[in-house]
Every structure is written in structure tokens, then in C-alpha cells.
């Protein structure tokens, strides 16, 4: 992943500014104001994978490095007809109005034959409630005439970061079971770190 090329990493490199606002809609990883988008963290999470492939499925990619295990999960909502129709005069849909309704996705990981002991479970996630700059914008923008200054941009930069949680788990006979529920358009990195 370190050498993965990305077509347009920064919105500043884009030839157009689609709406002139803080979030331009261009496919860059970072906005023109330096705010990291969820796709930035998707790449960041993938770059934190271990060296040994363990498993994958429709929603997750599991790797290991030594006694540590890394899981990157995603639950991408499908774009609906409003997105493909494009923006028309008078249309003003909320950000999540461009996606099909999608139920949450429960994931269960049964890790076996791992080193017995205590593990630190470090989880970082971005979803509509935590860290998504698009969703945060939808909460703070009153209308299209809202004006933003340096303080508002600094606020969005501080909010557009992954939620972090830590917990300790003990193995049972070399097994560890983890389960969590992914919200639509959530990305999550779970790092399972052997302690002792």
C-alpha cells in the first residue's frame, strides 16, 4: 500500500472546484483547506496492515505481523439515483440523501491458534457520528450562504479524525472472538496487540 498511486490526492490539484465551499466534492484525500476526508483514513488504515495475509471477505481484510493482528473493515453504502442524476437547480439533499438505505452490518471474527495471553484491542473508526467531515458539515451548515472563517475550518479539522477506543481482552484456549456492528459508510481499523 505504501506505493499505491492515487489519481488526485489533494483537492488543490483538481482542475475544478465544484461548489466553491469547504468540501468541493472532488475525489481528493484532503480538502483544499487541509481537512482529511474519510477516504484519507481508508488509505491510512490499509497502510497499517501487517505483513502476513490471514483472511478477507466482502467487508474485511485481516493480516498479522508476529503476534499482532490487524483488521480493516468497511461497509460502503450504494449511491442512489440522486447522485447519478447530478445536482440540479433547487435540489438540496443532505449528504446521506445520495445513498440507498443500508442496514448496519454485524461482523464476527473468531481468531484461533493465537498466542495465549492478554491483548490490547485498539480500534479507530470513521462513520456518520464520528470523524466524517461530510457528516459534520451537514450538522453545522445552515444553508448554502453560510460563511466559514479560520475558526470554523479549525473546528472541522479537529472533528474530522477517527474515534479511538481501547480495551483489554484475554484469550481462551488460544482463541479470541471479536464482534462489532458497522454503520453504513463506516471504515474501521482494529489492531490486536499482544501484551503478555
Protein backbone atom coordinates (compact mmCIF):
# COMPACT_ATOMS: atom_id res chain seq x y z
CA UNK A 1 0.00 0.00 0.00
CA UNK A 2 2.93 2.37 0.51
CA UNK A 3 3.43 2.56 -3.24
CA UNK A 4 -0.25 2.80 -4.18
CA UNK A 5 -0.75 5.66 -6.60
CA UNK A 6 -3.82 7.83 -6.12
CA UNK A 7 -5.08 9.82 -9.13
CA UNK A 8 -5.79 13.08 -7.30
CA UNK A 9 -4.52 13.01 -3.71
CA UNK A 10 -5.33 16.65 -2.93
CA UNK A 11 -8.36 18.74 -3.88
CA UNK A 12 -5.92 21.58 -4.62
CA UNK A 13 -4.67 19.58 -7.60
CA UNK A 14 -8.16 19.34 -9.10
CA UNK A 15 -8.95 21.40 -12.18
CA UNK A 16 -12.33 22.45 -10.88
CA UNK A 17 -13.97 23.45 -7.65
CA UNK A 18 -17.46 22.03 -7.90
CA UNK A 19 -19.22 24.06 -5.22
CA UNK A 20 -16.70 26.63 -4.03
CA UNK A 21 -17.16 25.60 -0.40
CA UNK A 22 -15.04 23.91 2.21
CA UNK A 23 -15.69 20.46 0.75
CA UNK A 24 -15.50 20.64 -3.02
CA UNK A 25 -16.79 17.20 -3.96
CA UNK A 26 -13.55 16.46 -5.79
CA UNK A 27 -12.16 12.97 -5.16
CA UNK A 28 -9.01 14.04 -3.28
CA UNK A 29 -7.95 12.66 0.08
CA UNK A 30 -7.55 16.10 1.66
CA UNK A 31 -9.67 19.22 1.06
CA UNK A 32 -8.18 22.48 -0.18
CA UNK A 33 -8.27 23.68 3.46
CA UNK A 34 -6.26 20.67 4.69
CA UNK A 35 -9.20 18.75 6.20
CA UNK A 36 -8.73 14.99 5.91
CA UNK A 37 -11.65 13.18 4.28
CA UNK A 38 -12.77 9.65 5.25
CA UNK A 39 -11.02 8.25 2.16
CA UNK A 40 -7.73 9.59 3.60
CA UNK A 41 -8.25 7.39 6.64
CA UNK A 42 -9.20 4.41 4.46
CA UNK A 43 -5.74 4.59 2.88
CA UNK A 44 -4.15 5.27 6.27
CA UNK A 45 -5.81 2.19 7.80
CA UNK A 46 -4.74 -0.02 4.88
CA UNK A 47 -1.15 1.20 5.31
CA UNK A 48 -1.20 -0.07 8.92
CA UNK A 49 -1.74 -3.70 7.89
CA UNK A 50 0.60 -6.49 8.90
CA UNK A 51 2.95 -8.26 6.51
CA UNK A 52 1.19 -11.66 6.53
CA UNK A 53 -2.19 -12.17 4.87
CA UNK A 54 -4.69 -14.07 7.06
CA UNK A 55 -8.16 -13.73 5.51
CA UNK A 56 -10.58 -11.46 3.67
CA UNK A 57 -14.28 -11.24 2.90
CA UNK A 58 -16.71 -8.70 1.46
CA UNK A 59 -16.25 -6.30 4.37
CA UNK A 60 -12.84 -7.01 5.92
CA UNK A 61 -9.16 -7.63 5.32
CA UNK A 62 -7.18 -9.43 8.06
CA UNK A 63 -3.39 -9.52 8.36
CA UNK A 64 -0.83 -10.41 11.01
CA UNK A 65 2.66 -9.40 11.96
CA UNK A 66 4.27 -11.55 14.60
CA UNK A 67 1.74 -11.94 17.44
CA UNK A 68 -0.27 -8.89 16.40
CA UNK A 69 -3.35 -8.92 14.16
CA UNK A 70 -4.83 -6.09 12.11
CA UNK A 71 -8.39 -5.93 10.72
CA UNK A 72 -9.60 -3.23 8.32
CA UNK A 73 -13.37 -3.27 7.75
CA UNK A 74 -15.72 -1.18 5.64
CA UNK A 75 -19.44 -1.00 4.90
CA UNK A 76 -19.97 1.13 1.82
CA UNK A 77 -23.49 2.32 1.05
CA UNK A 78 -24.62 2.19 -2.58
CA UNK A 79 -25.10 5.51 -4.36
CA UNK A 80 -28.71 6.12 -5.43
CA UNK A 81 -30.32 7.81 -8.44
CA UNK A 82 -29.91 11.33 -6.96
CA UNK A 83 -26.13 11.04 -7.19
CA UNK A 84 -26.19 9.85 -10.80
CA UNK A 85 -28.78 12.45 -11.80
CA UNK A 86 -26.36 15.18 -10.72
CA UNK A 87 -27.06 18.43 -8.94
CA UNK A 88 -30.00 20.31 -10.42
CA UNK A 89 -31.23 23.76 -9.60
CA UNK A 90 -33.33 23.66 -6.45
CA UNK A 91 -32.07 20.24 -5.32
CA UNK A 92 -30.72 20.37 -1.81
CA UNK A 93 -30.36 16.87 -0.40
CA UNK A 94 -28.50 16.06 2.80
CA UNK A 95 -25.23 14.18 2.29
CA UNK A 96 -26.77 10.82 3.18
CA UNK A 97 -29.63 11.52 0.74
CA UNK A 98 -27.33 10.34 -2.07
CA UNK A 99 -27.14 6.76 -0.76
CA UNK A 100 -29.50 3.82 -0.76
CA UNK A 101 -30.78 2.90 2.66
CA UNK A 102 -28.48 0.23 4.00
CA UNK A 103 -28.82 -1.70 7.24
CA UNK A 104 -25.95 -1.96 9.69
CA UNK A 105 -23.60 -4.92 9.21
CA UNK A 106 -22.64 -7.16 12.14
CA UNK A 107 -19.20 -8.75 11.86
CA UNK A 108 -17.82 -11.60 13.99
CA UNK A 109 -14.17 -12.61 13.97
CA UNK A 110 -13.14 -15.92 15.52
CA UNK A 111 -9.37 -15.88 15.83
CA UNK A 112 -7.86 -19.28 16.62
CA UNK A 113 -4.39 -20.64 17.33
CA UNK A 114 -3.11 -17.31 18.58
CA UNK A 115 -0.58 -16.87 21.36
CA UNK A 116 -2.34 -17.24 24.74
CA UNK A 117 -2.29 -14.10 26.85
CA UNK A 118 -3.63 -10.58 27.17
CA UNK A 119 -4.19 -8.38 24.13
CA UNK A 120 -4.79 -4.67 23.71
CA UNK A 121 -7.62 -4.05 21.24
CA UNK A 122 -7.13 -0.64 19.64
CA UNK A 123 -9.98 0.47 17.39
CA UNK A 124 -10.16 3.53 15.16
CA UNK A 125 -13.29 4.28 13.12
CA UNK A 126 -14.90 6.87 10.91
CA UNK A 127 -18.67 6.92 10.44
CA UNK A 128 -21.51 9.45 10.25
CA UNK A 129 -21.32 10.04 14.02
CA UNK A 130 -17.54 10.17 14.39
CA UNK A 131 -14.94 11.81 12.19
CA UNK A 132 -16.70 12.13 8.83
CA UNK A 133 -16.18 15.71 7.63
CA UNK A 134 -19.11 15.40 5.20
CA UNK A 135 -21.48 14.45 8.01
CA UNK A 136 -20.05 17.11 10.33
CA UNK A 137 -20.63 19.72 7.62
CA UNK A 138 -24.24 18.58 7.30
CA UNK A 139 -24.65 19.24 11.04
CA UNK A 140 -23.13 22.74 11.10
CA UNK A 141 -24.14 24.26 7.73
CA UNK A 142 -27.46 26.06 7.93
CA UNK A 143 -27.79 26.91 4.24
CA UNK A 144 -25.71 27.48 1.13
CA UNK A 145 -24.96 31.07 2.19
CA UNK A 146 -23.10 30.04 5.37
CA UNK A 147 -19.69 31.67 5.63
CA UNK A 148 -16.72 29.98 7.21
CA UNK A 149 -13.62 31.53 8.66
CA UNK A 150 -10.42 30.16 10.13
CA UNK A 151 -12.13 29.18 13.41
CA UNK A 152 -14.74 27.05 11.64
CA UNK A 153 -12.12 25.38 9.47
CA UNK A 154 -10.00 24.64 12.57
CA UNK A 155 -13.10 23.17 14.23
CA UNK A 156 -13.75 20.86 11.25
CA UNK A 157 -10.09 19.78 11.17
CA UNK A 158 -10.30 18.85 14.86
CA UNK A 159 -13.56 16.92 14.34
CA UNK A 160 -12.53 15.07 11.16
CA UNK A 161 -10.44 12.44 12.95
CA UNK A 162 -11.14 8.79 13.77
CA UNK A 163 -12.80 7.85 17.03
CA UNK A 164 -10.38 5.84 19.17
CA UNK A 165 -11.24 3.17 21.71
CA UNK A 166 -9.01 0.83 23.74
CA UNK A 167 -9.80 -2.36 25.63
CA UNK A 168 -8.00 -5.42 27.03
CA UNK A 169 -9.01 -8.97 26.15
CA UNK A 170 -7.78 -12.32 27.42
CA UNK A 171 -7.57 -15.34 25.14
CA UNK A 172 -9.44 -18.54 25.95
CA UNK A 173 -7.53 -21.68 24.90
CA UNK A 174 -5.71 -19.77 22.14
CA UNK A 175 -8.96 -18.27 20.82
CA UNK A 176 -10.26 -14.72 20.72
CA UNK A 177 -13.66 -13.68 19.39
CA UNK A 178 -14.42 -10.10 18.40
CA UNK A 179 -17.71 -8.73 17.14
CA UNK A 180 -18.88 -5.28 16.17
CA UNK A 181 -21.51 -3.60 14.03
CA UNK A 182 -20.56 -1.39 11.10
CA UNK A 183 -22.82 1.54 10.24
CA UNK A 184 -23.35 2.46 6.55
CA UNK A 185 -20.25 4.18 5.14
CA UNK A 186 -18.15 3.22 8.15
CA UNK A 187 -14.47 2.34 7.94
CA UNK A 188 -12.74 0.73 10.91
CA UNK A 189 -9.23 -0.38 11.82
CA UNK A 190 -8.91 -2.86 14.69
CA UNK A 191 -5.37 -3.53 15.89
CA UNK A 192 -5.00 -6.52 18.19
CA UNK A 193 -1.69 -6.13 20.03
CA UNK A 194 -0.14 -8.90 22.15
CA UNK A 195 0.87 -7.55 25.57
CA UNK A 196 1.85 -10.53 27.78
